[in-house]
């Protein structure tokens, strides 16, 4: 397999337009800061969560719980309803 198509094994963060390897703690902190920034700027309705019927009930539950409890958004949908 060529290196360009290899699976990522470490998280990456973008700094100054370039991606660099980071620790999991740093990557999760960066993701949380990004969510926080959008909620502060645009409010929780800026987010939506879409889950998949191929995921387990537990994964779908956690996805909607994260959207509602952490992000404060009721914009939750799933292909389960079709």
N, C-alpha and C. Protein backbone atom coordinates (compact mmCIF):
# COMPACT_ATOMS: atom_id res chain seq x y z
N UNK A 1 0.85 -1.17 0.00
CA UNK A 1 0.00 0.00 0.00
C UNK A 1 0.89 1.23 0.00
N UNK A 2 0.54 2.21 -0.80
CA UNK A 2 1.31 3.44 -0.84
C UNK A 2 1.06 4.26 0.42
N UNK A 3 2.06 4.98 0.82
CA UNK A 3 1.95 5.80 2.03
C UNK A 3 0.82 6.81 1.92
N UNK A 4 0.57 7.37 0.75
CA UNK A 4 -0.48 8.37 0.57
C UNK A 4 -1.86 7.81 0.90
N UNK A 5 -2.04 6.51 0.79
CA UNK A 5 -3.34 5.90 1.03
C UNK A 5 -3.39 5.11 2.33
N UNK A 6 -2.36 5.25 3.16
CA UNK A 6 -2.31 4.50 4.41
C UNK A 6 -3.35 5.05 5.38
N UNK A 7 -3.84 4.18 6.22
CA UNK A 7 -4.81 4.58 7.23
C UNK A 7 -4.14 5.43 8.29
N UNK A 8 -4.85 6.46 8.75
CA UNK A 8 -4.32 7.29 9.82
C UNK A 8 -4.28 6.49 11.12
N UNK A 9 -3.18 6.60 11.83
CA UNK A 9 -3.06 5.90 13.11
C UNK A 9 -2.90 6.87 14.28
N UNK A 10 -2.71 8.14 13.97
CA UNK A 10 -2.57 9.17 14.99
C UNK A 10 -3.44 10.36 14.58
N UNK A 11 -3.95 11.07 15.57
CA UNK A 11 -4.77 12.24 15.22
C UNK A 11 -3.92 13.35 14.61
N UNK A 12 -4.58 14.17 13.79
CA UNK A 12 -3.94 15.32 13.18
C UNK A 12 -4.70 16.58 13.58
N UNK A 13 -3.99 17.66 13.77
CA UNK A 13 -4.61 18.97 14.02
C UNK A 13 -4.05 19.94 12.99
N UNK A 14 -4.88 20.92 12.66
CA UNK A 14 -4.46 21.93 11.69
C UNK A 14 -3.98 23.17 12.43
N UNK A 15 -2.77 23.57 12.14
CA UNK A 15 -2.18 24.79 12.70
C UNK A 15 -1.59 25.58 11.55
N UNK A 16 -2.06 26.81 11.39
CA UNK A 16 -1.54 27.66 10.33
C UNK A 16 -1.76 27.10 8.94
N UNK A 17 -2.83 26.34 8.75
CA UNK A 17 -3.15 25.80 7.44
C UNK A 17 -2.52 24.45 7.14
N UNK A 18 -1.65 23.97 8.02
CA UNK A 18 -0.97 22.68 7.79
C UNK A 18 -1.39 21.68 8.85
N UNK A 19 -1.47 20.41 8.46
CA UNK A 19 -1.79 19.34 9.41
C UNK A 19 -0.51 18.83 10.04
N UNK A 20 -0.60 18.53 11.34
CA UNK A 20 0.54 17.94 12.04
C UNK A 20 0.01 16.91 13.03
N UNK A 21 0.84 15.94 13.36
CA UNK A 21 0.45 14.93 14.33
C UNK A 21 0.27 15.57 15.70
N UNK A 22 -0.66 15.02 16.47
CA UNK A 22 -0.94 15.53 17.81
C UNK A 22 -1.27 14.35 18.72
N UNK A 23 -1.25 14.62 20.01
CA UNK A 23 -1.69 13.61 20.97
C UNK A 23 -3.22 13.53 20.92
N UNK A 24 -3.77 12.46 21.44
CA UNK A 24 -5.23 12.34 21.48
C UNK A 24 -5.84 13.44 22.34
N UNK A 25 -5.20 13.75 23.46
CA UNK A 25 -5.72 14.82 24.32
C UNK A 25 -5.75 16.16 23.58
N UNK A 26 -4.68 16.47 22.86
CA UNK A 26 -4.63 17.72 22.11
C UNK A 26 -5.69 17.76 21.02
N UNK A 27 -5.87 16.64 20.31
CA UNK A 27 -6.85 16.58 19.22
C UNK A 27 -8.27 16.71 19.76
N UNK A 28 -8.58 16.04 20.87
CA UNK A 28 -9.92 16.15 21.45
C UNK A 28 -10.16 17.56 22.00
N UNK A 29 -9.13 18.17 22.59
CA UNK A 29 -9.27 19.55 23.06
C UNK A 29 -9.53 20.50 21.89
N UNK A 30 -8.85 20.27 20.76
CA UNK A 30 -9.06 21.12 19.58
C UNK A 30 -10.47 20.95 19.03
N UNK A 31 -10.97 19.71 19.00
CA UNK A 31 -12.33 19.47 18.52
C UNK A 31 -13.35 20.13 19.44
N UNK A 32 -13.17 19.99 20.74
CA UNK A 32 -14.08 20.61 21.71
C UNK A 32 -14.05 22.13 21.58
N UNK A 33 -12.87 22.70 21.38
CA UNK A 33 -12.76 24.15 21.21
C UNK A 33 -13.49 24.60 19.95
N UNK A 34 -13.41 23.80 18.89
CA UNK A 34 -14.12 24.14 17.67
C UNK A 34 -15.63 24.12 17.85
N UNK A 35 -16.15 23.10 18.53
CA UNK A 35 -17.58 23.05 18.83
C UNK A 35 -17.99 24.25 19.68
N UNK A 36 -17.20 24.54 20.71
CA UNK A 36 -17.50 25.65 21.62
C UNK A 36 -17.54 26.98 20.87
N UNK A 37 -16.58 27.18 19.97
CA UNK A 37 -16.50 28.41 19.20
C UNK A 37 -17.75 28.61 18.35
N UNK A 38 -18.21 27.56 17.69
CA UNK A 38 -19.40 27.68 16.84
C UNK A 38 -20.64 27.94 17.69
N UNK A 39 -20.79 27.25 18.82
CA UNK A 39 -21.95 27.46 19.68
C UNK A 39 -21.96 28.89 20.21
N UNK A 40 -20.80 29.40 20.62
CA UNK A 40 -20.73 30.77 21.13
C UNK A 40 -21.05 31.79 20.04
N UNK A 41 -20.59 31.53 18.82
CA UNK A 41 -20.77 32.48 17.73
C UNK A 41 -22.17 32.41 17.11
N UNK A 42 -22.66 31.18 16.85
CA UNK A 42 -23.89 31.00 16.07
C UNK A 42 -25.02 30.33 16.84
N UNK A 43 -24.76 29.87 18.05
CA UNK A 43 -25.78 29.19 18.84
C UNK A 43 -25.87 27.71 18.51
N UNK A 44 -26.54 26.94 19.37
CA UNK A 44 -26.59 25.49 19.20
C UNK A 44 -27.35 25.04 17.95
N UNK A 45 -28.20 25.88 17.41
CA UNK A 45 -28.94 25.49 16.20
C UNK A 45 -28.03 25.41 14.98
N UNK A 46 -26.79 25.83 15.12
CA UNK A 46 -25.82 25.73 14.02
C UNK A 46 -25.40 24.28 13.79
N UNK A 47 -25.71 23.41 14.74
CA UNK A 47 -25.32 22.01 14.64
C UNK A 47 -26.50 21.13 14.29
N UNK A 48 -26.19 20.05 13.61
CA UNK A 48 -27.16 19.00 13.37
C UNK A 48 -26.45 17.66 13.47
N UNK A 49 -27.19 16.65 13.86
CA UNK A 49 -26.61 15.31 13.99
C UNK A 49 -27.44 14.37 13.13
N UNK A 50 -26.78 13.62 12.29
CA UNK A 50 -27.45 12.61 11.48
C UNK A 50 -26.79 11.28 11.78
N UNK A 51 -27.60 10.29 12.12
CA UNK A 51 -27.06 8.96 12.43
C UNK A 51 -27.59 7.95 11.42
N UNK A 52 -27.07 6.77 11.48
CA UNK A 52 -27.33 5.76 10.46
C UNK A 52 -28.03 4.54 11.04
N UNK A 53 -28.91 3.96 10.27
CA UNK A 53 -29.62 2.76 10.72
C UNK A 53 -28.69 1.55 10.82
N UNK A 54 -27.54 1.60 10.20
CA UNK A 54 -26.59 0.49 10.29
C UNK A 54 -25.80 0.52 11.60
N UNK A 55 -25.86 1.65 12.31
CA UNK A 55 -25.21 1.74 13.61
C UNK A 55 -26.10 1.04 14.65
N UNK A 56 -25.51 0.73 15.78
CA UNK A 56 -26.29 0.09 16.84
C UNK A 56 -27.22 1.11 17.50
N UNK A 57 -28.22 0.61 18.20
CA UNK A 57 -29.11 1.50 18.95
C UNK A 57 -28.32 2.34 19.95
N UNK A 58 -27.30 1.74 20.54
CA UNK A 58 -26.50 2.44 21.53
C UNK A 58 -25.73 3.61 20.90
N UNK A 59 -25.17 3.38 19.72
CA UNK A 59 -24.44 4.45 19.02
C UNK A 59 -25.40 5.57 18.63
N UNK A 60 -26.57 5.21 18.11
CA UNK A 60 -27.56 6.23 17.75
C UNK A 60 -28.03 7.00 18.98
N UNK A 61 -28.21 6.31 20.09
CA UNK A 61 -28.61 6.98 21.33
C UNK A 61 -27.54 7.97 21.76
N UNK A 62 -26.28 7.54 21.75
CA UNK A 62 -25.19 8.42 22.16
C UNK A 62 -25.06 9.63 21.23
N UNK A 63 -25.27 9.43 19.95
CA UNK A 63 -25.19 10.53 18.99
C UNK A 63 -26.24 11.60 19.30
N UNK A 64 -27.49 11.17 19.52
CA UNK A 64 -28.53 12.16 19.81
C UNK A 64 -28.33 12.77 21.19
N UNK A 65 -27.83 11.99 22.13
CA UNK A 65 -27.57 12.52 23.47
C UNK A 65 -26.48 13.58 23.43
N UNK A 66 -25.43 13.34 22.64
CA UNK A 66 -24.36 14.31 22.48
C UNK A 66 -24.90 15.60 21.86
N UNK A 67 -25.68 15.47 20.80
CA UNK A 67 -26.23 16.66 20.12
C UNK A 67 -27.11 17.46 21.07
N UNK A 68 -27.97 16.77 21.81
CA UNK A 68 -28.93 17.46 22.67
C UNK A 68 -28.29 17.98 23.96
N UNK A 69 -27.53 17.13 24.65
CA UNK A 69 -27.01 17.49 25.98
C UNK A 69 -25.74 18.31 25.94
N UNK A 70 -24.84 17.99 25.03
CA UNK A 70 -23.55 18.67 24.99
C UNK A 70 -23.62 19.92 24.11
N UNK A 71 -24.15 19.76 22.90
CA UNK A 71 -24.20 20.89 21.97
C UNK A 71 -25.44 21.76 22.16
N UNK A 72 -26.48 21.19 22.76
CA UNK A 72 -27.71 21.94 22.97
C UNK A 72 -28.59 22.03 21.75
N UNK A 73 -28.40 21.12 20.79
CA UNK A 73 -29.16 21.16 19.55
C UNK A 73 -30.19 20.04 19.51
N UNK A 74 -31.39 20.38 19.08
CA UNK A 74 -32.42 19.37 18.85
C UNK A 74 -32.47 18.95 17.38
N UNK A 75 -31.50 19.40 16.59
CA UNK A 75 -31.44 19.05 15.17
C UNK A 75 -30.83 17.67 15.02
N UNK A 76 -31.65 16.66 15.25
CA UNK A 76 -31.20 15.27 15.20
C UNK A 76 -32.08 14.52 14.23
N UNK A 77 -31.48 13.75 13.33
CA UNK A 77 -32.24 12.97 12.38
C UNK A 77 -31.51 11.66 12.12
N UNK A 78 -32.18 10.74 11.50
CA UNK A 78 -31.62 9.44 11.21
C UNK A 78 -32.34 8.83 10.03
N UNK A 79 -31.64 8.00 9.28
CA UNK A 79 -32.29 7.30 8.20
C UNK A 79 -33.16 6.15 8.75
N UNK A 80 -33.19 5.97 10.06
CA UNK A 80 -34.05 4.95 10.68
C UNK A 80 -35.52 5.23 10.44
N UNK A 81 -35.88 6.49 10.27
CA UNK A 81 -37.28 6.85 10.16
C UNK A 81 -37.86 6.64 8.78
N UNK A 82 -37.03 6.33 7.79
CA UNK A 82 -37.53 6.17 6.43
C UNK A 82 -37.98 4.77 6.14
